[in-house]
């Protein structure tokens, strides 16, 4: 099963991407096949969103890198499963 980590922080940004990397390292056994991160700031509120994913490739070993991000639309997605 894949591993997912992340948080939403207020505009003061108390945590950093290093904290996310530490979280992902702690769950490396959940997804040894790939790792990805994404962070962005919400335009309206200034909140910071951090998403991290450890992937266990079972069905599609070559594709499906996560988190999936669309910077132009301001969207990001990470999940355990398939579409």
PDB file of N, CA and C in Angstrom:
ATOM      1  N   UNK A   1       0.838  -1.176   0.000  1.00  0.00           N
ATOM      2  CA  UNK A   1       0.000   0.000   0.000  1.00  0.00           C
ATOM      3  C   UNK A   1       0.886   1.243   0.000  1.00  0.00           C
ATOM      4  N   UNK A   2       0.538   2.216  -0.809  1.00  0.00           N
ATOM      5  CA  UNK A   2       1.297   3.464  -0.894  1.00  0.00           C
ATOM      6  C   UNK A   2       1.235   4.224   0.427  1.00  0.00           C
ATOM      7  N   UNK A   3       2.139   5.167   0.599  1.00  0.00           N
ATOM      8  CA  UNK A   3       2.144   6.018   1.778  1.00  0.00           C
ATOM      9  C   UNK A   3       1.934   7.467   1.384  1.00  0.00           C
ATOM     10  N   UNK A   4       1.116   8.169   2.142  1.00  0.00           N
ATOM     11  CA  UNK A   4       0.794   9.562   1.859  1.00  0.00           C
ATOM     12  C   UNK A   4       1.075  10.394   3.100  1.00  0.00           C
ATOM     13  N   UNK A   5       1.689  11.556   2.910  1.00  0.00           N
ATOM     14  CA  UNK A   5       1.965  12.476   4.022  1.00  0.00           C
ATOM     15  C   UNK A   5       1.684  13.890   3.551  1.00  0.00           C
ATOM     16  N   UNK A   6       1.398  14.773   4.498  1.00  0.00           N
ATOM     17  CA  UNK A   6       1.192  16.165   4.127  1.00  0.00           C
ATOM     18  C   UNK A   6       0.475  16.950   5.196  1.00  0.00           C
ATOM     19  N   UNK A   7       0.307  18.224   4.944  1.00  0.00           N
ATOM     20  CA  UNK A   7      -0.391  19.111   5.878  1.00  0.00           C
ATOM     21  C   UNK A   7      -0.717  20.418   5.188  1.00  0.00           C
ATOM     22  N   UNK A   8      -1.589  21.165   5.825  1.00  0.00           N
ATOM     23  CA  UNK A   8      -1.890  22.542   5.433  1.00  0.00           C
ATOM     24  C   UNK A   8      -1.455  23.422   6.590  1.00  0.00           C
ATOM     25  N   UNK A   9      -0.634  24.420   6.298  1.00  0.00           N
ATOM     26  CA  UNK A   9      -0.107  25.312   7.334  1.00  0.00           C
ATOM     27  C   UNK A   9      -0.578  26.738   7.083  1.00  0.00           C
ATOM     28  N   UNK A  10      -0.696  27.489   8.153  1.00  0.00           N
ATOM     29  CA  UNK A  10      -1.068  28.892   8.044  1.00  0.00           C
ATOM     30  C   UNK A  10      -0.010  29.697   7.317  1.00  0.00           C
ATOM     31  N   UNK A  11      -0.288  30.953   7.033  1.00  0.00           N
ATOM     32  CA  UNK A  11       0.635  31.797   6.280  1.00  0.00           C
ATOM     33  C   UNK A  11       2.028  31.929   6.907  1.00  0.00           C
ATOM     34  N   UNK A  12       2.156  31.672   8.215  1.00  0.00           N
ATOM     35  CA  UNK A  12       3.470  31.801   8.859  1.00  0.00           C
ATOM     36  C   UNK A  12       4.419  30.669   8.485  1.00  0.00           C
ATOM     37  N   UNK A  13       3.891  29.581   7.912  1.00  0.00           N
ATOM     38  CA  UNK A  13       4.688  28.448   7.415  1.00  0.00           C
ATOM     39  C   UNK A  13       5.638  27.905   8.480  1.00  0.00           C
ATOM     40  N   UNK A  14       5.060  27.272   9.470  1.00  0.00           N
ATOM     41  CA  UNK A  14       5.829  26.737  10.592  1.00  0.00           C
ATOM     42  C   UNK A  14       6.697  25.540  10.190  1.00  0.00           C
ATOM     43  N   UNK A  15       6.256  24.741   9.212  1.00  0.00           N
ATOM     44  CA  UNK A  15       7.021  23.579   8.776  1.00  0.00           C
ATOM     45  C   UNK A  15       7.610  23.832   7.399  1.00  0.00           C
ATOM     46  N   UNK A  16       8.614  23.038   7.035  1.00  0.00           N
ATOM     47  CA  UNK A  16       9.293  23.214   5.751  1.00  0.00           C
ATOM     48  C   UNK A  16       9.234  21.926   4.944  1.00  0.00           C
ATOM     49  N   UNK A  17       9.715  21.979   3.724  1.00  0.00           N
ATOM     50  CA  UNK A  17       9.762  20.784   2.878  1.00  0.00           C
ATOM     51  C   UNK A  17      10.693  19.733   3.471  1.00  0.00           C
ATOM     52  N   UNK A  18      11.672  20.144   4.272  1.00  0.00           N
ATOM     53  CA  UNK A  18      12.531  19.166   4.949  1.00  0.00           C
ATOM     54  C   UNK A  18      11.724  18.277   5.883  1.00  0.00           C
ATOM     55  N   UNK A  19      10.715  18.838   6.538  1.00  0.00           N
ATOM     56  CA  UNK A  19       9.838  18.039   7.406  1.00  0.00           C
ATOM     57  C   UNK A  19       9.075  17.013   6.577  1.00  0.00           C
ATOM     58  N   UNK A  20       8.625  17.398   5.400  1.00  0.00           N
ATOM     59  CA  UNK A  20       7.907  16.477   4.520  1.00  0.00           C
ATOM     60  C   UNK A  20       8.832  15.347   4.072  1.00  0.00           C
ATOM     61  N   UNK A  21      10.063  15.681   3.728  1.00  0.00           N
ATOM     62  CA  UNK A  21      11.027  14.652   3.326  1.00  0.00           C
ATOM     63  C   UNK A  21      11.291  13.667   4.464  1.00  0.00           C
ATOM     64  N   UNK A  22      11.348  14.159   5.687  1.00  0.00           N
ATOM     65  CA  UNK A  22      11.525  13.281   6.848  1.00  0.00           C
ATOM     66  C   UNK A  22      10.327  12.355   7.023  1.00  0.00           C
ATOM     67  N   UNK A  23       9.124  12.897   6.828  1.00  0.00           N
ATOM     68  CA  UNK A  23       7.913  12.070   6.914  1.00  0.00           C
ATOM     69  C   UNK A  23       7.939  10.956   5.873  1.00  0.00           C
ATOM     70  N   UNK A  24       8.321  11.309   4.654  1.00  0.00           N
ATOM     71  CA  UNK A  24       8.363  10.310   3.586  1.00  0.00           C
ATOM     72  C   UNK A  24       9.438   9.259   3.840  1.00  0.00           C
ATOM     73  N   UNK A  25      10.548   9.667   4.406  1.00  0.00           N
ATOM     74  CA  UNK A  25      11.594   8.698   4.739  1.00  0.00           C
ATOM     75  C   UNK A  25      11.093   7.714   5.801  1.00  0.00           C
ATOM     76  N   UNK A  26      10.300   8.211   6.742  1.00  0.00           N
ATOM     77  CA  UNK A  26       9.774   7.351   7.805  1.00  0.00           C
ATOM     78  C   UNK A  26       8.802   6.302   7.272  1.00  0.00           C
ATOM     79  N   UNK A  27       8.158   6.570   6.130  1.00  0.00           N
ATOM     80  CA  UNK A  27       7.226   5.602   5.560  1.00  0.00           C
ATOM     81  C   UNK A  27       7.757   5.009   4.249  1.00  0.00           C
ATOM     82  N   UNK A  28       9.057   5.015   4.055  1.00  0.00           N
ATOM     83  CA  UNK A  28       9.671   4.514   2.821  1.00  0.00           C
ATOM     84  C   UNK A  28       9.297   3.056   2.552  1.00  0.00           C
ATOM     85  N   UNK A  29       9.101   2.272   3.596  1.00  0.00           N
ATOM     86  CA  UNK A  29       8.734   0.871   3.431  1.00  0.00           C
ATOM     87  C   UNK A  29       7.343   0.707   2.809  1.00  0.00           C
ATOM     88  N   UNK A  30       6.519   1.739   2.868  1.00  0.00           N
ATOM     89  CA  UNK A  30       5.165   1.682   2.304  1.00  0.00           C
ATOM     90  C   UNK A  30       5.178   1.846   0.787  1.00  0.00           C
ATOM     91  N   UNK A  31       6.229   2.476   0.265  1.00  0.00           N
ATOM     92  CA  UNK A  31       6.289   2.707  -1.171  1.00  0.00           C
ATOM     93  C   UNK A  31       7.721   2.868  -1.637  1.00  0.00           C
ATOM     94  N   UNK A  32       8.416   1.764  -1.875  1.00  0.00           N
ATOM     95  CA  UNK A  32       9.822   1.851  -2.251  1.00  0.00           C
ATOM     96  C   UNK A  32      10.078   2.178  -3.723  1.00  0.00           C
ATOM     97  N   UNK A  33       9.019   2.246  -4.542  1.00  0.00           N
ATOM     98  CA  UNK A  33       9.223   2.366  -5.985  1.00  0.00           C
ATOM     99  C   UNK A  33       9.318   3.796  -6.516  1.00  0.00           C
ATOM    100  N   UNK A  34       8.776   4.753  -5.795  1.00  0.00           N
ATOM    101  CA  UNK A  34       8.829   6.143  -6.264  1.00  0.00           C
ATOM    102  C   UNK A  34       8.469   7.065  -5.107  1.00  0.00           C
ATOM    103  N   UNK A  35       8.888   8.305  -5.227  1.00  0.00           N
ATOM    104  CA  UNK A  35       8.584   9.313  -4.219  1.00  0.00           C
ATOM    105  C   UNK A  35       8.356  10.635  -4.929  1.00  0.00           C
ATOM    106  N   UNK A  36       7.383  11.405  -4.444  1.00  0.00           N
ATOM    107  CA  UNK A  36       7.127  12.718  -5.025  1.00  0.00           C
ATOM    108  C   UNK A  36       6.618  13.684  -3.983  1.00  0.00           C
ATOM    109  N   UNK A  37       6.852  14.965  -4.217  1.00  0.00           N
ATOM    110  CA  UNK A  37       6.359  16.004  -3.314  1.00  0.00           C
ATOM    111  C   UNK A  37       5.789  17.157  -4.138  1.00  0.00           C
ATOM    112  N   UNK A  38       4.952  17.926  -3.487  1.00  0.00           N
ATOM    113  CA  UNK A  38       4.366  19.106  -4.105  1.00  0.00           C
ATOM    114  C   UNK A  38       4.040  20.081  -2.984  1.00  0.00           C
ATOM    115  N   UNK A  39       4.310  21.343  -3.175  1.00  0.00           N
ATOM    116  CA  UNK A  39       3.857  22.353  -2.208  1.00  0.00           C
ATOM    117  C   UNK A  39       3.499  23.627  -2.953  1.00  0.00           C
ATOM    118  N   UNK A  40       2.504  24.295  -2.428  1.00  0.00           N
ATOM    119  CA  UNK A  40       2.057  25.545  -3.045  1.00  0.00           C
ATOM    120  C   UNK A  40       1.349  26.396  -2.008  1.00  0.00           C
ATOM    121  N   UNK A  41       1.132  27.648  -2.336  1.00  0.00           N
ATOM    122  CA  UNK A  41       0.441  28.594  -1.460  1.00  0.00           C
ATOM    123  C   UNK A  41      -0.926  28.902  -2.051  1.00  0.00           C
ATOM    124  N   UNK A  42      -1.957  28.852  -1.204  1.00  0.00           N
ATOM    125  CA  UNK A  42      -3.314  29.196  -1.633  1.00  0.00           C
ATOM    126  C   UNK A  42      -3.398  30.703  -1.827  1.00  0.00           C
ATOM    127  N   UNK A  43      -3.826  31.118  -2.990  1.00  0.00           N
ATOM    128  CA  UNK A  43      -3.849  32.542  -3.325  1.00  0.00           C
ATOM    129  C   UNK A  43      -4.760  33.348  -2.404  1.00  0.00           C
ATOM    130  N   UNK A  44      -5.916  32.826  -2.067  1.00  0.00           N
ATOM    131  CA  UNK A  44      -6.881  33.587  -1.287  1.00  0.00           C
ATOM    132  C   UNK A  44      -6.519  33.768   0.177  1.00  0.00           C
ATOM    133  N   UNK A  45      -5.922  32.740   0.788  1.00  0.00           N
ATOM    134  CA  UNK A  45      -5.691  32.778   2.237  1.00  0.00           C
ATOM    135  C   UNK A  45      -4.226  32.838   2.634  1.00  0.00           C
ATOM    136  N   UNK A  46      -3.332  32.494   1.727  1.00  0.00           N
ATOM    137  CA  UNK A  46      -1.914  32.465   2.056  1.00  0.00           C
ATOM    138  C   UNK A  46      -1.472  31.175   2.735  1.00  0.00           C
ATOM    139  N   UNK A  47      -2.391  30.233   2.930  1.00  0.00           N
ATOM    140  CA  UNK A  47      -2.026  28.951   3.530  1.00  0.00           C
ATOM    141  C   UNK A  47      -1.084  28.179   2.610  1.00  0.00           C
ATOM    142  N   UNK A  48      -0.196  27.394   3.214  1.00  0.00           N
ATOM    143  CA  UNK A  48       0.715  26.539   2.465  1.00  0.00           C
ATOM    144  C   UNK A  48       0.204  25.102   2.524  1.00  0.00           C
ATOM    145  N   UNK A  49       0.232  24.431   1.368  1.00  0.00           N
ATOM    146  CA  UNK A  49      -0.176  23.032   1.277  1.00  0.00           C
ATOM    147  C   UNK A  49       1.048  22.215   0.885  1.00  0.00           C
ATOM    148  N   UNK A  50       1.309  21.165   1.642  1.00  0.00           N
ATOM    149  CA  UNK A  50       2.415  20.262   1.371  1.00  0.00           C
ATOM    150  C   UNK A  50       1.854  18.858   1.185  1.00  0.00           C
ATOM    151  N   UNK A  51       2.180  18.201   0.070  1.00  0.00           N
ATOM    152  CA  UNK A  51       1.760  16.833  -0.188  1.00  0.00           C
ATOM    153  C   UNK A  51       2.977  15.984  -0.520  1.00  0.00           C
ATOM    154  N   UNK A  52       3.007  14.770   0.011  1.00  0.00           N
ATOM    155  CA  UNK A  52       4.073  13.830  -0.295  1.00  0.00           C
ATOM    156  C   UNK A  52       3.500  12.457  -0.535  1.00  0.00           C
ATOM    157  N   UNK A  53       4.161  11.680  -1.385  1.00  0.00           N
ATOM    158  CA  UNK A  53       3.658  10.361  -1.752  1.00  0.00           C
ATOM    159  C   UNK A  53       4.816   9.381  -1.900  1.00  0.00           C
ATOM    160  N   UNK A  54       4.676   8.204  -1.301  1.00  0.00           N
ATOM    161  CA  UNK A  54       5.591   7.072  -1.518  1.00  0.00           C
ATOM    162  C   UNK A  54       4.798   6.027  -2.283  1.00  0.00           C
ATOM    163  N   UNK A  55       5.323   5.564  -3.401  1.00  0.00           N
ATOM    164  CA  UNK A  55       4.547   4.706  -4.306  1.00  0.00           C
ATOM    165  C   UNK A  55       5.025   3.264  -4.273  1.00  0.00           C
ATOM    166  N   UNK A  56       4.061   2.375  -4.140  1.00  0.00           N
ATOM    167  CA  UNK A  56       4.270   0.944  -4.303  1.00  0.00           C
ATOM    168  C   UNK A  56       3.664   0.575  -5.648  1.00  0.00           C
ATOM    169  N   UNK A  57       4.514   0.322  -6.642  1.00  0.00           N
ATOM    170  CA  UNK A  57       4.050   0.073  -8.008  1.00  0.00           C
ATOM    171  C   UNK A  57       3.619  -1.386  -8.156  1.00  0.00           C
ATOM    172  N   UNK A  58       2.329  -1.590  -8.321  1.00  0.00           N
ATOM    173  CA  UNK A  58       1.806  -2.937  -8.507  1.00  0.00           C
ATOM    174  C   UNK A  58       1.237  -3.092  -9.914  1.00  0.00           C
ATOM    175  N   UNK A  59       0.374  -2.178 -10.319  1.00  0.00           N
ATOM    176  CA  UNK A  59      -0.308  -2.312 -11.608  1.00  0.00           C
ATOM    177  C   UNK A  59       0.457  -1.625 -12.738  1.00  0.00           C
ATOM    178  N   UNK A  60       0.937  -0.431 -12.535  1.00  0.00           N
ATOM    179  CA  UNK A  60       1.624   0.339 -13.577  1.00  0.00           C
ATOM    180  C   UNK A  60       3.012   0.715 -13.073  1.00  0.00           C
ATOM    181  N   UNK A  61       3.987  -0.192 -13.215  1.00  0.00           N
ATOM    182  CA  UNK A  61       5.306   0.081 -12.636  1.00  0.00           C
ATOM    183  C   UNK A  61       6.061   1.251 -13.264  1.00  0.00           C
ATOM    184  N   UNK A  62       5.689   1.669 -14.478  1.00  0.00           N
ATOM    185  CA  UNK A  62       6.432   2.731 -15.159  1.00  0.00           C
ATOM    186  C   UNK A  62       5.814   4.111 -15.021  1.00  0.00           C
ATOM    187  N   UNK A  63       4.528   4.216 -14.747  1.00  0.00           N
ATOM    188  CA  UNK A  63       3.859   5.518 -14.753  1.00  0.00           C
ATOM    189  C   UNK A  63       3.286   5.891 -13.405  1.00  0.00           C
ATOM    190  N   UNK A  64       2.374   6.814 -13.441  1.00  0.00           N
ATOM    191  CA  UNK A  64       1.581   7.215 -12.279  1.00  0.00           C
ATOM    192  C   UNK A  64       2.378   7.901 -11.180  1.00  0.00           C
ATOM    193  N   UNK A  65       3.305   8.783 -11.543  1.00  0.00           N
ATOM    194  CA  UNK A  65       4.050   9.556 -10.539  1.00  0.00           C
ATOM    195  C   UNK A  65       3.081  10.484  -9.805  1.00  0.00           C
ATOM    196  N   UNK A  66       3.203  10.535  -8.486  1.00  0.00           N
ATOM    197  CA  UNK A  66       2.350  11.393  -7.656  1.00  0.00           C
ATOM    198  C   UNK A  66       3.213  12.211  -6.715  1.00  0.00           C
ATOM    199  N   UNK A  67       2.712  13.301  -6.188  1.00  0.00           N
ATOM    200  CA  UNK A  67       1.424  13.917  -6.442  1.00  0.00           C
ATOM    201  C   UNK A  67       1.313  14.406  -7.884  1.00  0.00           C
ATOM    202  N   UNK A  68       0.092  14.377  -8.384  1.00  0.00           N
ATOM    203  CA  UNK A  68      -0.197  14.912  -9.709  1.00  0.00           C
ATOM    204  C   UNK A  68      -0.536  16.385  -9.525  1.00  0.00           C
ATOM    205  N   UNK A  69       0.152  17.249 -10.279  1.00  0.00           N
ATOM    206  CA  UNK A  69      -0.014  18.700 -10.083  1.00  0.00           C
ATOM    207  C   UNK A  69      -0.323  19.396 -11.399  1.00  0.00           C
ATOM    208  N   UNK A  70      -1.198  20.377 -11.331  1.00  0.00           N
ATOM    209  CA  UNK A  70      -1.499  21.255 -12.446  1.00  0.00           C
ATOM    210  C   UNK A  70      -1.333  22.681 -11.932  1.00  0.00           C
ATOM    211  N   UNK A  71      -0.138  23.227 -12.108  1.00  0.00           N
ATOM    212  CA  UNK A  71       0.174  24.550 -11.573  1.00  0.00           C
ATOM    213  C   UNK A  71      -0.724  25.633 -12.170  1.00  0.00           C
ATOM    214  N   UNK A  72      -1.064  25.516 -13.461  1.00  0.00           N
ATOM    215  CA  UNK A  72      -1.898  26.534 -14.105  1.00  0.00           C
ATOM    216  C   UNK A  72      -3.287  26.600 -13.472  1.00  0.00           C
ATOM    217  N   UNK A  73      -3.815  25.450 -13.085  1.00  0.00           N
ATOM    218  CA  UNK A  73      -5.148  25.416 -12.470  1.00  0.00           C
ATOM    219  C   UNK A  73      -5.083  25.533 -10.950  1.00  0.00           C
ATOM    220  N   UNK A  74      -3.879  25.420 -10.379  1.00  0.00           N
ATOM    221  CA  UNK A  74      -3.730  25.491  -8.933  1.00  0.00           C
ATOM    222  C   UNK A  74      -4.261  24.250  -8.226  1.00  0.00           C
ATOM    223  N   UNK A  75      -4.100  23.090  -8.860  1.00  0.00           N
ATOM    224  CA  UNK A  75      -4.630  21.846  -8.314  1.00  0.00           C
ATOM    225  C   UNK A  75      -3.517  20.828  -8.089  1.00  0.00           C
ATOM    226  N   UNK A  76      -3.687  20.006  -7.056  1.00  0.00           N
ATOM    227  CA  UNK A  76      -2.775  18.901  -6.797  1.00  0.00           C
ATOM    228  C   UNK A  76      -3.585  17.747  -6.216  1.00  0.00           C
ATOM    229  N   UNK A  77      -3.144  16.519  -6.486  1.00  0.00           N
ATOM    230  CA  UNK A  77      -3.862  15.330  -6.050  1.00  0.00           C
ATOM    231  C   UNK A  77      -2.859  14.244  -5.710  1.00  0.00           C
ATOM    232  N   UNK A  78      -3.062  13.582  -4.603  1.00  0.00           N
ATOM    233  CA  UNK A  78      -2.327  12.367  -4.287  1.00  0.00           C
ATOM    234  C   UNK A  78      -3.311  11.396  -3.659  1.00  0.00           C
ATOM    235  N   UNK A  79      -3.206  10.115  -4.021  1.00  0.00           N
ATOM    236  CA  UNK A  79      -4.165   9.146  -3.515  1.00  0.00           C
ATOM    237  C   UNK A  79      -3.580   7.747  -3.591  1.00  0.00           C
ATOM    238  N   UNK A  80      -4.223   6.815  -2.919  1.00  0.00           N
ATOM    239  CA  UNK A  80      -3.854   5.415  -2.939  1.00  0.00           C
ATOM    240  C   UNK A  80      -4.925   4.691  -3.722  1.00  0.00           C
ATOM    241  N   UNK A  81      -4.592   4.250  -4.937  1.00  0.00           N
ATOM    242  CA  UNK A  81      -5.557   3.560  -5.773  1.00  0.00           C
ATOM    243  C   UNK A  81      -5.239   3.783  -7.233  1.00  0.00           C
ATOM    244  N   UNK A  82      -6.212   3.556  -8.069  1.00  0.00           N
ATOM    245  CA  UNK A  82      -6.021   3.765  -9.492  1.00  0.00           C
ATOM    246  C   UNK A  82      -7.267   4.384 -10.094  1.00  0.00           C
ATOM    247  N   UNK A  83      -7.064   5.057 -11.217  1.00  0.00           N
ATOM    248  CA  UNK A  83      -8.195   5.646 -11.932  1.00  0.00           C
ATOM    249  C   UNK A  83      -8.456   4.789 -13.161  1.00  0.00           C
TER     250      UNK A  83
END
